[in-house]
Amino acid sequence: MTEVKLKIHIMILSDKSIKEKIKTGEISISPFSEDSLQPASYDLHLDSNVMYFNIDGNNIIDVKKPVDELMIKTQISDSGFVIEPHQLVLANVIEITGVDSKHVGRLEGKSSLARIGLIIHATAGFLDPGNKLRLTLEMVNLSPLPIRIYAGMKIAQIAFEELDTPCEKPYGSKSLNSKYVGDLTVQASKIWENF
């Protein structure tokens, strides 16, 4: 009997590797600041555009229909923006991040924000190979108290991983029906396009 050994190699990039891969163009972060570079991630900052659901009336989210009309788009003022308990707010980060076909990015929260009950991504914290965009945050306030946030504040971090081989179909490939290729502003869900 022949023994088959699988070599699984998952590599999270260090600060040094992130800088090297930015130089080679395998990863992009714009604007980039050395001050935002952490040991194995890069700090991301909150953009001023936000969207949230209008809860007046008897609205129902139907996944087979666009939800844009159910949402309010606004900007964070100098005095900040208040996220109410249990409220979902969509926002972008300031930085445009991108990866080639051999890398992925993983969006993670910041410990200090988690400790006050602010979740910065509900589930969609993945930067697919081949995509370059302003990542969307799906922020939820789990606290019993309102939380005030400010444009420009550190809101999240992104870690980068290298795939074992380049992917065959990067995000945006025609056969994938990719919905958020190159997004630069906050957008409502496009789940209805799946039906």
N, C-alpha and C. Protein backbone atom coordinates (compact mmCIF):
# COMPACT_ATOMS: atom_id res chain seq x y z
N MET A 1 0.84 -1.17 0.00
CA MET A 1 0.00 0.00 0.00
C MET A 1 0.90 1.25 0.00
N THR A 2 0.56 2.17 -0.89
CA THR A 2 1.33 3.40 -0.98
C THR A 2 0.73 4.45 -0.06
N GLU A 3 1.60 5.07 0.69
CA GLU A 3 1.14 6.12 1.61
C GLU A 3 1.19 7.46 0.89
N VAL A 4 0.09 8.18 0.96
CA VAL A 4 0.01 9.50 0.33
C VAL A 4 0.09 10.55 1.42
N LYS A 5 1.02 11.46 1.27
CA LYS A 5 1.16 12.55 2.23
C LYS A 5 0.75 13.85 1.56
N LEU A 6 -0.13 14.54 2.21
CA LEU A 6 -0.55 15.84 1.71
C LEU A 6 0.18 16.92 2.48
N LYS A 7 0.72 17.84 1.75
CA LYS A 7 1.39 18.96 2.39
C LYS A 7 0.46 20.16 2.32
N ILE A 8 -0.04 20.56 3.46
CA ILE A 8 -0.91 21.73 3.52
C ILE A 8 -0.07 22.89 4.02
N HIS A 9 -0.05 23.92 3.25
CA HIS A 9 0.80 25.06 3.56
C HIS A 9 -0.06 26.32 3.57
N ILE A 10 -0.42 26.74 4.76
CA ILE A 10 -1.17 27.98 4.89
C ILE A 10 -0.21 28.99 5.50
N MET A 11 -0.06 30.10 4.82
CA MET A 11 0.91 31.07 5.30
C MET A 11 0.26 32.44 5.43
N ILE A 12 0.19 32.93 6.66
CA ILE A 12 -0.24 34.30 6.89
C ILE A 12 1.00 35.17 6.77
N LEU A 13 0.89 36.24 6.02
CA LEU A 13 2.06 37.07 5.74
C LEU A 13 2.42 37.97 6.92
N SER A 14 3.71 38.08 7.17
CA SER A 14 4.23 38.98 8.21
C SER A 14 4.28 40.41 7.67
N ASP A 15 4.56 41.35 8.55
CA ASP A 15 4.72 42.74 8.13
C ASP A 15 5.78 42.87 7.04
N LYS A 16 6.89 42.16 7.20
CA LYS A 16 7.97 42.19 6.21
C LYS A 16 7.48 41.66 4.86
N SER A 17 6.77 40.53 4.88
CA SER A 17 6.27 39.94 3.63
C SER A 17 5.21 40.83 2.98
N ILE A 18 4.36 41.47 3.78
CA ILE A 18 3.35 42.38 3.22
C ILE A 18 4.05 43.49 2.45
N LYS A 19 5.08 44.09 3.04
CA LYS A 19 5.82 45.17 2.35
C LYS A 19 6.48 44.67 1.07
N GLU A 20 7.07 43.47 1.13
CA GLU A 20 7.72 42.90 -0.06
C GLU A 20 6.71 42.65 -1.18
N LYS A 21 5.53 42.13 -0.82
CA LYS A 21 4.52 41.81 -1.84
C LYS A 21 3.84 43.06 -2.38
N ILE A 22 3.83 44.13 -1.62
CA ILE A 22 3.35 45.41 -2.15
C ILE A 22 4.33 45.90 -3.21
N LYS A 23 5.63 45.76 -2.95
CA LYS A 23 6.65 46.18 -3.92
C LYS A 23 6.56 45.40 -5.22
N THR A 24 6.22 44.10 -5.13
CA THR A 24 6.13 43.27 -6.34
C THR A 24 4.77 43.39 -7.03
N GLY A 25 3.80 44.03 -6.36
CA GLY A 25 2.47 44.20 -6.94
C GLY A 25 1.53 43.04 -6.68
N GLU A 26 1.95 42.06 -5.90
CA GLU A 26 1.08 40.92 -5.60
C GLU A 26 -0.05 41.31 -4.65
N ILE A 27 0.21 42.32 -3.83
CA ILE A 27 -0.77 42.90 -2.90
C ILE A 27 -0.73 44.40 -3.10
N SER A 28 -1.89 45.04 -2.99
CA SER A 28 -1.90 46.51 -3.06
C SER A 28 -2.74 47.08 -1.92
N ILE A 29 -2.25 48.17 -1.34
CA ILE A 29 -2.96 48.92 -0.31
C ILE A 29 -2.73 50.39 -0.61
N SER A 30 -3.83 51.11 -0.83
CA SER A 30 -3.70 52.53 -1.16
C SER A 30 -4.80 53.33 -0.46
N PRO A 31 -4.46 54.34 0.31
CA PRO A 31 -3.10 54.77 0.64
C PRO A 31 -2.45 53.80 1.63
N PHE A 32 -1.12 53.72 1.56
CA PHE A 32 -0.35 52.87 2.47
C PHE A 32 0.41 53.75 3.43
N SER A 33 0.40 53.38 4.71
CA SER A 33 1.17 54.09 5.73
C SER A 33 1.86 53.06 6.61
N GLU A 34 3.14 53.21 6.78
CA GLU A 34 3.91 52.31 7.64
C GLU A 34 3.33 52.27 9.06
N ASP A 35 2.73 53.37 9.50
CA ASP A 35 2.14 53.44 10.84
C ASP A 35 0.97 52.47 11.02
N SER A 36 0.34 52.07 9.94
CA SER A 36 -0.81 51.16 10.01
C SER A 36 -0.43 49.69 9.89
N LEU A 37 0.85 49.43 9.65
CA LEU A 37 1.33 48.06 9.49
C LEU A 37 1.53 47.41 10.86
N GLN A 38 0.86 46.30 11.08
CA GLN A 38 0.97 45.53 12.32
C GLN A 38 1.86 44.31 12.06
N PRO A 39 2.18 43.49 13.09
CA PRO A 39 3.09 42.36 12.88
C PRO A 39 2.65 41.38 11.78
N ALA A 40 1.33 41.16 11.63
CA ALA A 40 0.84 40.23 10.60
C ALA A 40 -0.47 40.71 10.00
N SER A 41 -0.66 42.02 9.95
CA SER A 41 -1.88 42.59 9.36
C SER A 41 -1.65 44.07 9.07
N TYR A 42 -2.68 44.68 8.51
CA TYR A 42 -2.63 46.11 8.21
C TYR A 42 -3.92 46.74 8.71
N ASP A 43 -3.81 47.82 9.49
CA ASP A 43 -4.99 48.51 10.01
C ASP A 43 -5.71 49.29 8.91
N LEU A 44 -7.03 49.18 8.90
CA LEU A 44 -7.88 49.87 7.93
C LEU A 44 -8.71 50.93 8.64
N HIS A 45 -9.05 51.99 7.91
CA HIS A 45 -9.72 53.15 8.49
C HIS A 45 -11.11 53.34 7.89
N LEU A 46 -12.02 53.84 8.71
CA LEU A 46 -13.43 53.99 8.32
C LEU A 46 -13.63 55.16 7.36
N ASP A 47 -14.28 54.88 6.23
CA ASP A 47 -14.67 55.91 5.27
C ASP A 47 -15.91 56.64 5.81
N SER A 48 -16.28 57.73 5.18
CA SER A 48 -17.40 58.54 5.68
C SER A 48 -18.77 58.11 5.16
N ASN A 49 -18.83 57.26 4.14
CA ASN A 49 -20.12 56.83 3.58
C ASN A 49 -20.68 55.64 4.34
N VAL A 50 -21.96 55.73 4.74
CA VAL A 50 -22.62 54.63 5.43
C VAL A 50 -24.02 54.42 4.87
N MET A 51 -24.53 53.21 5.05
CA MET A 51 -25.91 52.86 4.67
C MET A 51 -26.52 52.06 5.81
N TYR A 52 -27.81 52.27 6.03
CA TYR A 52 -28.51 51.49 7.05
C TYR A 52 -29.97 51.36 6.65
N PHE A 53 -30.64 50.37 7.21
CA PHE A 53 -32.03 50.11 6.86
C PHE A 53 -32.96 51.13 7.48
N ASN A 54 -33.91 51.59 6.68
CA ASN A 54 -34.99 52.44 7.16
C ASN A 54 -35.99 51.51 7.84
N ILE A 55 -36.14 51.65 9.14
CA ILE A 55 -37.02 50.73 9.87
C ILE A 55 -38.42 51.29 10.09
N ASP A 56 -38.71 52.43 9.46
CA ASP A 56 -40.07 52.98 9.53
C ASP A 56 -40.99 52.14 8.65
N GLY A 57 -42.18 51.89 9.10
CA GLY A 57 -43.15 51.15 8.29
C GLY A 57 -43.03 49.65 8.47
N ASN A 58 -43.61 48.94 7.54
CA ASN A 58 -43.65 47.48 7.60
C ASN A 58 -42.77 46.85 6.54
N ASN A 59 -41.54 47.32 6.43
CA ASN A 59 -40.63 46.79 5.42
C ASN A 59 -40.20 45.37 5.77
N ILE A 60 -40.07 44.57 4.73
CA ILE A 60 -39.55 43.21 4.85
C ILE A 60 -38.45 43.05 3.82
N ILE A 61 -37.36 42.44 4.23
CA ILE A 61 -36.29 42.15 3.29
C ILE A 61 -36.64 40.86 2.57
N ASP A 62 -36.81 40.95 1.26
CA ASP A 62 -37.08 39.79 0.42
C ASP A 62 -35.83 39.55 -0.41
N VAL A 63 -35.16 38.42 -0.21
CA VAL A 63 -33.89 38.17 -0.89
C VAL A 63 -34.02 38.06 -2.40
N LYS A 64 -35.24 37.97 -2.92
CA LYS A 64 -35.45 37.94 -4.36
C LYS A 64 -35.65 39.33 -4.96
N LYS A 65 -35.59 40.37 -4.12
CA LYS A 65 -35.82 41.73 -4.60
C LYS A 65 -34.69 42.65 -4.15
N PRO A 66 -34.37 43.69 -4.96
CA PRO A 66 -33.36 44.67 -4.54
C PRO A 66 -33.77 45.34 -3.22
N VAL A 67 -32.77 45.66 -2.40
CA VAL A 67 -33.05 46.29 -1.11
C VAL A 67 -32.63 47.75 -1.04
N ASP A 68 -32.13 48.29 -2.14
CA ASP A 68 -31.66 49.68 -2.15
C ASP A 68 -32.70 50.66 -1.62
N GLU A 69 -33.96 50.45 -2.00
CA GLU A 69 -35.02 51.37 -1.59
C GLU A 69 -35.35 51.26 -0.10
N LEU A 70 -34.89 50.22 0.55
CA LEU A 70 -35.13 50.05 1.98
C LEU A 70 -34.02 50.69 2.82
N MET A 71 -33.01 51.24 2.14
CA MET A 71 -31.84 51.73 2.86
C MET A 71 -31.70 53.24 2.75
N ILE A 72 -31.06 53.80 3.76
CA ILE A 72 -30.75 55.22 3.80
C ILE A 72 -29.24 55.35 3.66
N LYS A 73 -28.81 56.21 2.73
CA LYS A 73 -27.39 56.47 2.52
C LYS A 73 -27.07 57.83 3.12
N THR A 74 -25.99 57.91 3.88
CA THR A 74 -25.61 59.19 4.46
C THR A 74 -24.10 59.24 4.66
N GLN A 75 -23.64 60.37 5.16
CA GLN A 75 -22.21 60.55 5.44
C GLN A 75 -22.02 60.76 6.93
N ILE A 76 -20.90 60.28 7.43
CA ILE A 76 -20.56 60.50 8.83
C ILE A 76 -20.09 61.95 8.97
N SER A 77 -20.72 62.69 9.86
CA SER A 77 -20.34 64.09 10.08
C SER A 77 -19.16 64.17 11.05
N ASP A 78 -18.66 65.38 11.25
CA ASP A 78 -17.55 65.58 12.18
C ASP A 78 -17.90 65.14 13.60
N SER A 79 -19.19 65.19 13.94
CA SER A 79 -19.62 64.78 15.28
C SER A 79 -19.84 63.27 15.38
N GLY A 80 -19.56 62.54 14.31
CA GLY A 80 -19.65 61.09 14.33
C GLY A 80 -20.99 60.56 13.87
N PHE A 81 -21.14 59.26 13.96
CA PHE A 81 -22.36 58.56 13.57
C PHE A 81 -22.68 57.55 14.67
N VAL A 82 -23.93 57.52 15.09
CA VAL A 82 -24.33 56.63 16.18
C VAL A 82 -24.95 55.35 15.62
N ILE A 83 -24.40 54.22 16.04
CA ILE A 83 -24.98 52.92 15.70
C ILE A 83 -25.78 52.47 16.92
N GLU A 84 -27.07 52.30 16.71
CA GLU A 84 -27.97 51.91 17.80
C GLU A 84 -27.79 50.42 18.13
N PRO A 85 -28.17 50.00 19.33
CA PRO A 85 -28.09 48.58 19.67
C PRO A 85 -28.82 47.71 18.64
N HIS A 86 -28.18 46.66 18.22
CA HIS A 86 -28.71 45.67 17.26
C HIS A 86 -28.88 46.22 15.84
N GLN A 87 -28.37 47.40 15.57
CA GLN A 87 -28.49 47.99 14.23
C GLN A 87 -27.37 47.49 13.32
N LEU A 88 -27.71 47.24 12.06
CA LEU A 88 -26.74 46.89 11.02
C LEU A 88 -26.44 48.13 10.21
N VAL A 89 -25.16 48.44 10.05
CA VAL A 89 -24.73 49.59 9.27
C VAL A 89 -23.66 49.12 8.28
N LEU A 90 -23.84 49.44 7.00
CA LEU A 90 -22.84 49.14 5.98
C LEU A 90 -21.94 50.35 5.81
N ALA A 91 -20.66 50.11 5.64
CA ALA A 91 -19.70 51.19 5.41
C ALA A 91 -18.52 50.61 4.65
N ASN A 92 -17.67 51.49 4.17
CA ASN A 92 -16.43 51.07 3.53
C ASN A 92 -15.25 51.50 4.38
N VAL A 93 -14.11 50.92 4.06
CA VAL A 93 -12.86 51.43 4.59
C VAL A 93 -12.30 52.43 3.59
N ILE A 94 -11.40 53.28 4.04
CA ILE A 94 -10.78 54.27 3.16
C ILE A 94 -9.85 53.60 2.15
N GLU A 95 -9.09 52.63 2.61
CA GLU A 95 -8.06 52.01 1.78
C GLU A 95 -8.65 51.15 0.67
N ILE A 96 -8.03 51.20 -0.49
CA ILE A 96 -8.34 50.27 -1.58
C ILE A 96 -7.31 49.15 -1.47
N THR A 97 -7.80 47.92 -1.25
CA THR A 97 -6.90 46.79 -1.10
C THR A 97 -7.14 45.80 -2.24
N GLY A 98 -6.07 45.17 -2.67
CA GLY A 98 -6.19 44.20 -3.76
C GLY A 98 -5.18 43.09 -3.61
N VAL A 99 -5.51 41.95 -4.21
CA VAL A 99 -4.61 40.80 -4.21
C VAL A 99 -4.61 40.16 -5.59
N ASP A 100 -3.49 39.55 -5.93
CA ASP A 100 -3.40 38.85 -7.21
C ASP A 100 -4.06 37.47 -7.09
N SER A 101 -3.86 36.63 -8.09
CA SER A 101 -4.54 35.32 -8.12
C SER A 101 -3.92 34.29 -7.17
N LYS A 102 -2.87 34.67 -6.45
CA LYS A 102 -2.23 33.72 -5.53
C LYS A 102 -2.37 34.13 -4.06
N HIS A 103 -3.17 35.17 -3.80
CA HIS A 103 -3.33 35.65 -2.43
C HIS A 103 -4.79 35.92 -2.10
N VAL A 104 -5.10 35.89 -0.81
CA VAL A 104 -6.41 36.30 -0.30
C VAL A 104 -6.18 37.25 0.86
N GLY A 105 -7.21 38.03 1.15
CA GLY A 105 -7.18 38.89 2.33
C GLY A 105 -8.30 38.49 3.26
N ARG A 106 -8.05 38.57 4.56
CA ARG A 106 -9.07 38.26 5.57
C ARG A 106 -9.26 39.46 6.47
N LEU A 107 -10.48 39.98 6.44
CA LEU A 107 -10.84 41.13 7.25
C LEU A 107 -11.11 40.67 8.68
N GLU A 108 -10.53 41.36 9.63
CA GLU A 108 -10.72 41.01 11.04
C GLU A 108 -11.06 42.27 11.82
N GLY A 109 -11.72 42.07 12.95
CA GLY A 109 -12.07 43.18 13.82
C GLY A 109 -10.89 43.63 14.65
N LYS A 110 -11.10 44.70 15.39
CA LYS A 110 -10.11 45.21 16.34
C LYS A 110 -10.61 44.86 17.74
N SER A 111 -9.72 44.37 18.57
CA SER A 111 -10.08 43.92 19.91
C SER A 111 -10.77 45.01 20.73
N SER A 112 -10.27 46.23 20.67
CA SER A 112 -10.85 47.32 21.47
C SER A 112 -12.28 47.61 21.07
N LEU A 113 -12.61 47.47 19.78
CA LEU A 113 -13.99 47.69 19.33
C LEU A 113 -14.88 46.51 19.71
N ALA A 114 -14.35 45.30 19.62
CA ALA A 114 -15.12 44.12 20.01
C ALA A 114 -15.49 44.18 21.49
N ARG A 115 -14.63 44.76 22.29
CA ARG A 115 -14.85 44.83 23.74
C ARG A 115 -15.95 45.82 24.12
N ILE A 116 -16.36 46.66 23.17
CA ILE A 116 -17.52 47.54 23.43
C ILE A 116 -18.75 47.06 22.66
N GLY A 117 -18.62 45.91 22.00
CA GLY A 117 -19.77 45.30 21.34
C GLY A 117 -19.92 45.62 19.87
N LEU A 118 -18.90 46.21 19.24
CA LEU A 118 -19.00 46.55 17.81
C LEU A 118 -18.36 45.45 16.97
N ILE A 119 -19.20 44.75 16.21
CA ILE A 119 -18.74 43.75 15.26
C ILE A 119 -18.59 44.46 13.92
N ILE A 120 -17.43 44.32 13.27
CA ILE A 120 -17.21 45.10 12.04
C ILE A 120 -17.53 44.34 10.76
N HIS A 121 -17.67 43.03 10.84
CA HIS A 121 -18.18 42.32 9.67
C HIS A 121 -19.02 41.14 10.13
N ALA A 122 -20.25 41.11 9.63
CA ALA A 122 -21.19 40.07 10.03
C ALA A 122 -20.69 38.70 9.58
N THR A 123 -20.36 38.55 8.30
CA THR A 123 -19.81 37.28 7.81
C THR A 123 -18.88 37.46 6.63
N ALA A 124 -18.98 38.54 5.91
CA ALA A 124 -18.27 38.67 4.63
C ALA A 124 -16.92 39.36 4.80
N GLY A 125 -15.95 38.64 5.34
CA GLY A 125 -14.65 39.23 5.59
C GLY A 125 -13.55 38.69 4.71
N PHE A 126 -13.87 38.36 3.47
CA PHE A 126 -12.93 37.68 2.58
C PHE A 126 -12.66 38.52 1.34
N LEU A 127 -11.39 38.79 1.07
CA LEU A 127 -10.98 39.46 -0.17
C LEU A 127 -10.50 38.37 -1.12
N ASP A 128 -11.30 38.11 -2.15
CA ASP A 128 -11.01 37.02 -3.09
C ASP A 128 -9.80 37.31 -3.96
N PRO A 129 -9.11 36.25 -4.41
CA PRO A 129 -8.01 36.42 -5.34
C PRO A 129 -8.47 37.18 -6.59
N GLY A 130 -7.70 38.17 -6.99
CA GLY A 130 -8.00 38.92 -8.20
C GLY A 130 -8.86 40.15 -7.99
N ASN A 131 -9.35 40.38 -6.79
CA ASN A 131 -10.21 41.55 -6.56
C ASN A 131 -9.41 42.69 -5.94
N LYS A 132 -9.86 43.90 -6.22
CA LYS A 132 -9.24 45.12 -5.69
C LYS A 132 -10.36 46.11 -5.46
N LEU A 133 -10.57 46.50 -4.20
CA LEU A 133 -11.72 47.34 -3.87
C LEU A 133 -11.57 47.95 -2.49
N ARG A 134 -12.55 48.78 -2.14
CA ARG A 134 -12.69 49.24 -0.76
C ARG A 134 -13.59 48.22 -0.07
N LEU A 135 -13.06 47.52 0.88
CA LEU A 135 -13.83 46.48 1.57
C LEU A 135 -15.05 47.06 2.25
N THR A 136 -16.15 46.33 2.19
CA THR A 136 -17.39 46.73 2.84
C THR A 136 -17.45 46.11 4.23
N LEU A 137 -17.83 46.93 5.19
CA LEU A 137 -18.03 46.48 6.56
C LEU A 137 -19.51 46.28 6.79
N GLU A 138 -19.88 45.21 7.47
CA GLU A 138 -21.27 44.99 7.90
C GLU A 138 -21.25 45.10 9.42
N MET A 139 -21.28 46.33 9.91
CA MET A 139 -21.11 46.58 11.35
C MET A 139 -22.42 46.36 12.10
N VAL A 140 -22.33 45.71 13.23
CA VAL A 140 -23.48 45.47 14.10
C VAL A 140 -23.09 45.84 15.53
N ASN A 141 -23.96 46.59 16.18
CA ASN A 141 -23.76 46.95 17.57
C ASN A 141 -24.42 45.89 18.46
N LEU A 142 -23.61 45.07 19.12
CA LEU A 142 -24.13 44.05 20.03
C LEU A 142 -24.30 44.57 21.45
N SER A 143 -23.86 45.79 21.67
CA SER A 143 -23.94 46.40 23.00
C SER A 143 -25.38 46.83 23.32
N PRO A 144 -25.73 46.94 24.61
CA PRO A 144 -27.05 47.47 24.96
C PRO A 144 -27.10 49.00 24.85
N LEU A 145 -25.95 49.62 24.55
CA LEU A 145 -25.86 51.08 24.45
C LEU A 145 -25.51 51.49 23.03
N PRO A 146 -25.92 52.69 22.60
CA PRO A 146 -25.49 53.21 21.30
C PRO A 146 -23.97 53.39 21.28
N ILE A 147 -23.37 53.25 20.10
CA ILE A 147 -21.93 53.44 19.93
C ILE A 147 -21.71 54.52 18.87
N ARG A 148 -20.90 55.53 19.20
CA ARG A 148 -20.58 56.60 18.25
C ARG A 148 -19.24 56.28 17.58
N ILE A 149 -19.23 56.30 16.25
CA ILE A 149 -18.01 56.05 15.48
C ILE A 149 -17.68 57.29 14.66
N TYR A 150 -16.43 57.36 14.17
CA TYR A 150 -15.96 58.54 13.46
C TYR A 150 -15.24 58.15 12.17
N ALA A 151 -15.46 58.92 11.13
CA ALA A 151 -14.73 58.71 9.87
C ALA A 151 -13.24 58.88 10.14
N GLY A 152 -12.45 58.02 9.52
CA GLY A 152 -11.00 58.09 9.66
C GLY A 152 -10.43 57.26 10.80
N MET A 153 -11.29 56.78 11.70
CA MET A 153 -10.78 55.99 12.83
C MET A 153 -10.34 54.60 12.37
N LYS A 154 -9.41 53.99 13.12
CA LYS A 154 -9.05 52.59 12.85
C LYS A 154 -10.27 51.75 13.15
N ILE A 155 -10.71 50.97 12.18
CA ILE A 155 -11.96 50.23 12.32
C ILE A 155 -11.78 48.71 12.16
N ALA A 156 -10.73 48.29 11.45
CA ALA A 156 -10.55 46.87 11.16
C ALA A 156 -9.09 46.62 10.81
N GLN A 157 -8.79 45.37 10.53
CA GLN A 157 -7.46 45.03 10.04
C GLN A 157 -7.61 43.93 8.99
N ILE A 158 -6.65 43.89 8.09
CA ILE A 158 -6.66 42.85 7.06
C ILE A 158 -5.37 42.05 7.16
N ALA A 159 -5.52 40.73 7.14
CA ALA A 159 -4.38 39.82 7.09
C ALA A 159 -4.37 39.19 5.70
N PHE A 160 -3.20 38.88 5.21
CA PHE A 160 -3.06 38.30 3.87
C PHE A 160 -2.51 36.89 3.97
N GLU A 161 -3.01 36.02 3.11
CA GLU A 161 -2.55 34.64 3.05
C GLU A 161 -2.18 34.30 1.61
N GLU A 162 -1.23 33.38 1.48
CA GLU A 162 -0.80 32.93 0.15
C GLU A 162 -1.43 31.57 -0.14
N LEU A 163 -2.01 31.43 -1.34
CA LEU A 163 -2.59 30.15 -1.76
C LEU A 163 -1.49 29.18 -2.15
N ASP A 164 -1.80 27.89 -2.14
CA ASP A 164 -0.80 26.90 -2.53
C ASP A 164 -0.45 26.99 -4.01
N THR A 165 -1.42 27.38 -4.84
CA THR A 165 -1.18 27.65 -6.27
C THR A 165 -2.06 28.83 -6.66
N PRO A 166 -1.74 29.52 -7.74
CA PRO A 166 -2.65 30.58 -8.20
C PRO A 166 -4.01 29.97 -8.55
N CYS A 167 -5.08 30.68 -8.26
CA CYS A 167 -6.42 30.16 -8.59
C CYS A 167 -6.63 30.19 -10.10
N GLU A 168 -7.50 29.32 -10.59
CA GLU A 168 -7.78 29.24 -12.02
C GLU A 168 -8.74 30.33 -12.48
N LYS A 169 -9.69 30.70 -11.62
CA LYS A 169 -10.68 31.71 -11.97
C LYS A 169 -10.72 32.79 -10.89
N PRO A 170 -9.94 33.86 -11.06
CA PRO A 170 -9.96 34.94 -10.07
C PRO A 170 -11.34 35.59 -9.99
N TYR A 171 -11.59 36.25 -8.87
CA TYR A 171 -12.85 36.98 -8.69
C TYR A 171 -13.04 37.94 -9.86
N GLY A 172 -14.23 37.95 -10.40
CA GLY A 172 -14.52 38.78 -11.56
C GLY A 172 -14.55 37.98 -12.85
N SER A 173 -14.08 36.72 -12.81
CA SER A 173 -14.15 35.87 -14.01
C SER A 173 -15.62 35.73 -14.41
N LYS A 174 -15.88 35.77 -15.70
CA LYS A 174 -17.25 35.78 -16.21
C LYS A 174 -18.12 34.66 -15.65
N SER A 175 -17.58 33.47 -15.53
CA SER A 175 -18.38 32.33 -15.09
C SER A 175 -18.75 32.38 -13.61
N LEU A 176 -18.15 33.28 -12.85
CA LEU A 176 -18.40 33.33 -11.40
C LEU A 176 -19.57 34.21 -10.99
N ASN A 177 -20.06 35.06 -11.89
CA ASN A 177 -21.14 35.98 -11.55
C ASN A 177 -20.77 36.84 -10.33
N SER A 178 -19.55 37.34 -10.31
CA SER A 178 -19.07 38.17 -9.21
C SER A 178 -19.84 39.49 -9.17
N LYS A 179 -20.34 39.86 -8.01
CA LYS A 179 -21.22 41.03 -7.90
C LYS A 179 -20.52 42.31 -7.46
N TYR A 180 -19.38 42.21 -6.81
CA TYR A 180 -18.79 43.39 -6.19
C TYR A 180 -17.35 43.63 -6.66
N VAL A 181 -17.10 43.39 -7.93
CA VAL A 181 -15.76 43.56 -8.49
C VAL A 181 -15.39 45.05 -8.46
N GLY A 182 -14.28 45.37 -7.83
CA GLY A 182 -13.76 46.72 -7.86
C GLY A 182 -14.62 47.78 -7.19
N ASP A 183 -15.51 47.39 -6.29
CA ASP A 183 -16.37 48.37 -5.60
C ASP A 183 -15.54 49.44 -4.90
N LEU A 184 -15.93 50.69 -5.09
CA LEU A 184 -15.24 51.79 -4.42
C LEU A 184 -16.14 52.56 -3.47
N THR A 185 -17.44 52.23 -3.47
CA THR A 185 -18.36 52.89 -2.54
C THR A 185 -19.31 51.85 -1.95
N VAL A 186 -19.86 52.17 -0.81
CA VAL A 186 -20.73 51.23 -0.11
C VAL A 186 -21.97 50.95 -0.95
N GLN A 187 -22.34 49.66 -1.03
CA GLN A 187 -23.50 49.24 -1.81
C GLN A 187 -24.35 48.27 -1.01
N ALA A 188 -25.63 48.29 -1.27
CA ALA A 188 -26.54 47.34 -0.65
C ALA A 188 -26.31 45.94 -1.24
N SER A 189 -26.88 44.95 -0.60
CA SER A 189 -26.77 43.57 -1.05
C SER A 189 -27.33 43.40 -2.46
N LYS A 190 -26.68 42.53 -3.22
CA LYS A 190 -27.16 42.17 -4.56
C LYS A 190 -27.57 40.70 -4.60
N ILE A 191 -27.98 40.17 -3.47
CA ILE A 191 -28.36 38.75 -3.39
C ILE A 191 -29.46 38.41 -4.38
N TRP A 192 -30.33 39.36 -4.67
CA TRP A 192 -31.45 39.12 -5.60
C TRP A 192 -30.96 38.72 -6.98
N GLU A 193 -29.74 39.07 -7.35
CA GLU A 193 -29.21 38.69 -8.66
C GLU A 193 -28.97 37.18 -8.77
N ASN A 194 -29.00 36.48 -7.66
CA ASN A 194 -28.83 35.02 -7.69
C ASN A 194 -30.09 34.29 -8.13
N PHE A 195 -31.22 35.00 -8.20
CA PHE A 195 -32.49 34.35 -8.54
C PHE A 195 -32.91 34.62 -9.97
